[in-house]
C-alpha atoms as a PDB file:
ATOM      1  CA  MET A   1     -29.685  33.035 -55.736  1.00  0.00           C
ATOM      2  CA  PHE A   2     -28.250  30.188 -53.957  1.00  0.00           C
ATOM      3  CA  PRO A   3     -30.981  27.381 -52.512  1.00  0.00           C
ATOM      4  CA  GLY A   4     -31.437  26.894 -49.330  1.00  0.00           C
ATOM      5  CA  MET A   5     -30.707  30.509 -48.156  1.00  0.00           C
ATOM      6  CA  GLY A   6     -34.257  31.366 -47.710  1.00  0.00           C
ATOM      7  CA  GLY A   7     -33.275  35.276 -47.347  1.00  0.00           C
ATOM      8  CA  ARG A   8     -31.174  34.847 -43.968  1.00  0.00           C
ATOM      9  CA  GLY A   9     -27.988  34.549 -45.962  1.00  0.00           C
ATOM     10  CA  MET A  10     -25.696  31.508 -45.539  1.00  0.00           C
ATOM     11  CA  ASP A  11     -22.925  31.220 -43.258  1.00  0.00           C
ATOM     12  CA  PRO A  12     -18.798  30.622 -44.519  1.00  0.00           C
ATOM     13  CA  LYS A  13     -18.950  26.735 -44.253  1.00  0.00           C
ATOM     14  CA  GLN A  14     -22.148  26.105 -45.927  1.00  0.00           C
ATOM     15  CA  MET A  15     -20.627  29.095 -48.899  1.00  0.00           C
ATOM     16  CA  ALA A  16     -17.312  26.823 -48.716  1.00  0.00           C
ATOM     17  CA  GLY A  17     -18.811  23.455 -49.027  1.00  0.00           C
ATOM     18  CA  LEU A  18     -21.146  24.279 -51.781  1.00  0.00           C
ATOM     19  CA  MET A  19     -18.147  25.831 -53.874  1.00  0.00           C
ATOM     20  CA  ARG A  20     -16.345  22.709 -52.975  1.00  0.00           C
ATOM     21  CA  GLN A  21     -19.180  21.094 -54.556  1.00  0.00           C
ATOM     22  CA  MET A  22     -19.227  23.043 -57.694  1.00  0.00           C
ATOM     23  CA  GLY A  23     -15.483  22.269 -58.294  1.00  0.00           C
ATOM     24  CA  ILE A  24     -14.370  25.680 -56.915  1.00  0.00           C
ATOM     25  CA  LYS A  25     -10.943  25.550 -55.086  1.00  0.00           C
ATOM     26  CA  THR A  26     -10.519  29.019 -53.047  1.00  0.00           C
ATOM     27  CA  THR A  27      -6.707  29.636 -51.256  1.00  0.00           C
ATOM     28  CA  ASP A  28      -6.064  32.862 -49.359  1.00  0.00           C
ATOM     29  CA  VAL A  29      -3.534  35.099 -49.731  1.00  0.00           C
ATOM     30  CA  ASP A  30      -2.057  37.075 -46.732  1.00  0.00           C
ATOM     31  CA  ALA A  31      -1.028  40.195 -48.456  1.00  0.00           C
ATOM     32  CA  LYS A  32      -0.559  43.907 -46.564  1.00  0.00           C
ATOM     33  CA  ARG A  33      -1.036  45.956 -50.011  1.00  0.00           C
ATOM     34  CA  VAL A  34      -2.763  45.532 -53.709  1.00  0.00           C
ATOM     35  CA  VAL A  35      -1.590  47.953 -56.229  1.00  0.00           C
ATOM     36  CA  VAL A  36      -3.250  48.066 -59.555  1.00  0.00           C
ATOM     37  CA  GLU A  37      -1.269  49.993 -62.165  1.00  0.00           C
ATOM     38  CA  ARG A  38      -3.414  51.544 -64.936  1.00  0.00           C
ATOM     39  CA  GLN A  39      -2.694  51.967 -68.437  1.00  0.00           C
ATOM     40  CA  ASP A  40      -2.738  55.859 -67.970  1.00  0.00           C
ATOM     41  CA  GLY A  41       0.299  55.626 -65.004  1.00  0.00           C
ATOM     42  CA  SER A  42      -2.275  56.212 -62.059  1.00  0.00           C
ATOM     43  CA  LYS A  43      -2.696  53.588 -59.468  1.00  0.00           C
ATOM     44  CA  LEU A  44      -5.234  51.817 -57.661  1.00  0.00           C
ATOM     45  CA  VAL A  45      -4.005  50.996 -54.172  1.00  0.00           C
ATOM     46  CA  ILE A  46      -5.727  48.758 -51.909  1.00  0.00           C
ATOM     47  CA  ALA A  47      -4.621  48.689 -48.147  1.00  0.00           C
ATOM     48  CA  SER A  48      -5.006  45.764 -46.130  1.00  0.00           C
ATOM     49  CA  PRO A  49      -6.951  43.921 -48.246  1.00  0.00           C
ATOM     50  CA  THR A  50      -8.454  40.387 -48.485  1.00  0.00           C
ATOM     51  CA  VAL A  51      -7.014  38.324 -51.470  1.00  0.00           C
ATOM     52  CA  THR A  52      -8.813  34.786 -52.973  1.00  0.00           C
ATOM     53  CA  ILE A  53      -7.626  33.095 -55.384  1.00  0.00           C
ATOM     54  CA  MET A  54     -10.406  31.209 -56.930  1.00  0.00           C
ATOM     55  CA  GLU A  55      -9.797  28.213 -59.313  1.00  0.00           C
ATOM     56  CA  MET A  56     -12.665  27.016 -61.578  1.00  0.00           C
ATOM     57  CA  GLN A  57     -12.381  25.048 -64.553  1.00  0.00           C
ATOM     58  CA  GLY A  58      -8.483  25.343 -65.196  1.00  0.00           C
ATOM     59  CA  GLN A  59      -8.882  29.212 -64.722  1.00  0.00           C
ATOM     60  CA  LYS A  60      -7.165  30.715 -61.715  1.00  0.00           C
ATOM     61  CA  SER A  61      -9.139  34.200 -60.588  1.00  0.00           C
ATOM     62  CA  LEU A  62      -8.141  37.007 -58.164  1.00  0.00           C
ATOM     63  CA  GLN A  63     -10.839  38.330 -55.836  1.00  0.00           C
ATOM     64  CA  VAL A  64      -9.695  41.727 -53.983  1.00  0.00           C
ATOM     65  CA  ALA A  65     -11.471  43.127 -51.676  1.00  0.00           C
ATOM     66  CA  GLY A  66     -10.881  46.459 -49.134  1.00  0.00           C
ATOM     67  CA  GLU A  67     -11.334  49.891 -49.292  1.00  0.00           C
ATOM     68  CA  PHE A  68      -9.053  51.297 -52.293  1.00  0.00           C
ATOM     69  CA  VAL A  69      -7.812  54.610 -52.977  1.00  0.00           C
ATOM     70  CA  GLU A  70      -6.771  56.477 -55.937  1.00  0.00           C
ATOM     71  CA  GLY A  71      -3.827  58.465 -57.427  1.00  0.00           C
ATOM     72  CA  ASP A  72      -0.345  57.708 -55.525  1.00  0.00           C
ATOM     73  CA  ALA A  73      -1.079  57.401 -52.087  1.00  0.00           C
ATOM     74  CA  GLY A  74       0.170  54.201 -51.910  1.00  0.00           C
ATOM     75  CA  GLY A  75       3.244  55.435 -53.274  1.00  0.00           C
ATOM     76  CA  GLU A  76       6.178  53.743 -54.500  1.00  0.00           C
ATOM     77  CA  SER A  77       6.837  50.213 -53.473  1.00  0.00           C
ATOM     78  CA  ASP A  78       9.129  50.277 -50.850  1.00  0.00           C
ATOM     79  CA  VAL A  79       9.917  46.070 -51.080  1.00  0.00           C
ATOM     80  CA  GLY A  80      12.537  46.558 -53.923  1.00  0.00           C
ATOM     81  CA  THR A  81      15.136  47.726 -51.334  1.00  0.00           C
ATOM     82  CA  GLU A  82      14.548  45.164 -48.754  1.00  0.00           C
ATOM     83  CA  SER A  83      14.951  40.963 -49.143  1.00  0.00           C
ATOM     84  CA  ILE A  84      11.448  39.521 -49.869  1.00  0.00           C
ATOM     85  CA  PRO A  85       9.936  37.630 -47.116  1.00  0.00           C
ATOM     86  CA  SER A  86      10.253  33.603 -47.044  1.00  0.00           C
ATOM     87  CA  ASP A  87       6.565  33.075 -46.658  1.00  0.00           C
ATOM     88  CA  ASP A  88       5.749  35.312 -49.703  1.00  0.00           C
ATOM     89  CA  ALA A  89       8.090  33.457 -52.339  1.00  0.00           C
ATOM     90  CA  SER A  90       7.377  30.287 -50.496  1.00  0.00           C
ATOM     91  CA  LEU A  91       3.427  30.967 -51.221  1.00  0.00           C
ATOM     92  CA  VAL A  92       4.653  31.911 -54.925  1.00  0.00           C
ATOM     93  CA  MET A  93       6.411  28.974 -55.619  1.00  0.00           C
ATOM     94  CA  LYS A  94       3.271  26.824 -54.093  1.00  0.00           C
ATOM     95  CA  GLU A  95       0.929  28.687 -56.074  1.00  0.00           C
ATOM     96  CA  THR A  96       3.023  28.715 -59.732  1.00  0.00           C
ATOM     97  CA  GLY A  97       5.415  25.552 -59.237  1.00  0.00           C
ATOM     98  CA  ALA A  98       8.102  28.187 -59.823  1.00  0.00           C
ATOM     99  CA  GLY A  99      11.805  27.418 -57.888  1.00  0.00           C
ATOM    100  CA  ARG A 100      12.394  30.476 -55.351  1.00  0.00           C
ATOM    101  CA  GLU A 101      15.269  32.284 -57.621  1.00  0.00           C
ATOM    102  CA  THR A 102      11.904  32.638 -59.941  1.00  0.00           C
ATOM    103  CA  ALA A 103       9.147  33.357 -57.267  1.00  0.00           C
ATOM    104  CA  GLU A 104      11.640  35.893 -55.512  1.00  0.00           C
ATOM    105  CA  LYS A 105      12.461  37.628 -59.074  1.00  0.00           C
ATOM    106  CA  ALA A 106       8.268  37.872 -60.010  1.00  0.00           C
ATOM    107  CA  LEU A 107       8.171  39.550 -55.818  1.00  0.00           C
ATOM    108  CA  GLU A 108      10.724  41.888 -56.612  1.00  0.00           C
ATOM    109  CA  ASP A 109       9.067  43.054 -60.546  1.00  0.00           C
ATOM    110  CA  ASN A 110       6.059  43.113 -59.039  1.00  0.00           C
ATOM    111  CA  GLY A 111       6.988  45.251 -55.864  1.00  0.00           C
ATOM    112  CA  GLY A 112       6.163  42.803 -53.496  1.00  0.00           C
ATOM    113  CA  ASP A 113       2.579  42.472 -55.265  1.00  0.00           C
ATOM    114  CA  ILE A 114       1.711  38.912 -53.845  1.00  0.00           C
ATOM    115  CA  ALA A 115      -1.069  38.165 -56.353  1.00  0.00           C
ATOM    116  CA  ALA A 116       0.419  40.253 -59.449  1.00  0.00           C
ATOM    117  CA  ALA A 117       3.971  38.200 -59.169  1.00  0.00           C
ATOM    118  CA  ILE A 118       1.521  34.751 -59.031  1.00  0.00           C
ATOM    119  CA  LEU A 119      -0.416  36.139 -62.006  1.00  0.00           C
ATOM    120  CA  SER A 120       2.800  37.152 -63.598  1.00  0.00           C
ATOM    121  CA  LEU A 121       4.489  33.732 -63.385  1.00  0.00           C
ATOM    122  CA  GLN A 122       1.203  31.873 -64.822  1.00  0.00           C
ATOM    123  CA  LYS A 123       1.260  33.810 -68.088  1.00  0.00           C
END
């Protein structure tokens, strides 16, 4: 699929360089949990995920990898009742250009889910 791989795979530095050449920017998101709420009310919960924001041709997309569980296994978010971590708000501010209050509100509205907060502010 990629030139020069020769069936052996590509080390991460080579892959990052190739992505930069193609104009793809990536940002890792330090997330402890990702929750996807479906239209039918069920949830997909990914604990300890690897989350990457990829920007190409002006479009941002999220790549989430990890083991997930269907249903309410993740329970309700425990974030709304506690303060939002400053690092989380700072990351949302950096990615969206929003102010601290707006970033914290987006995090609260999205149960502390950084990726969802970023996407909600980019709409």
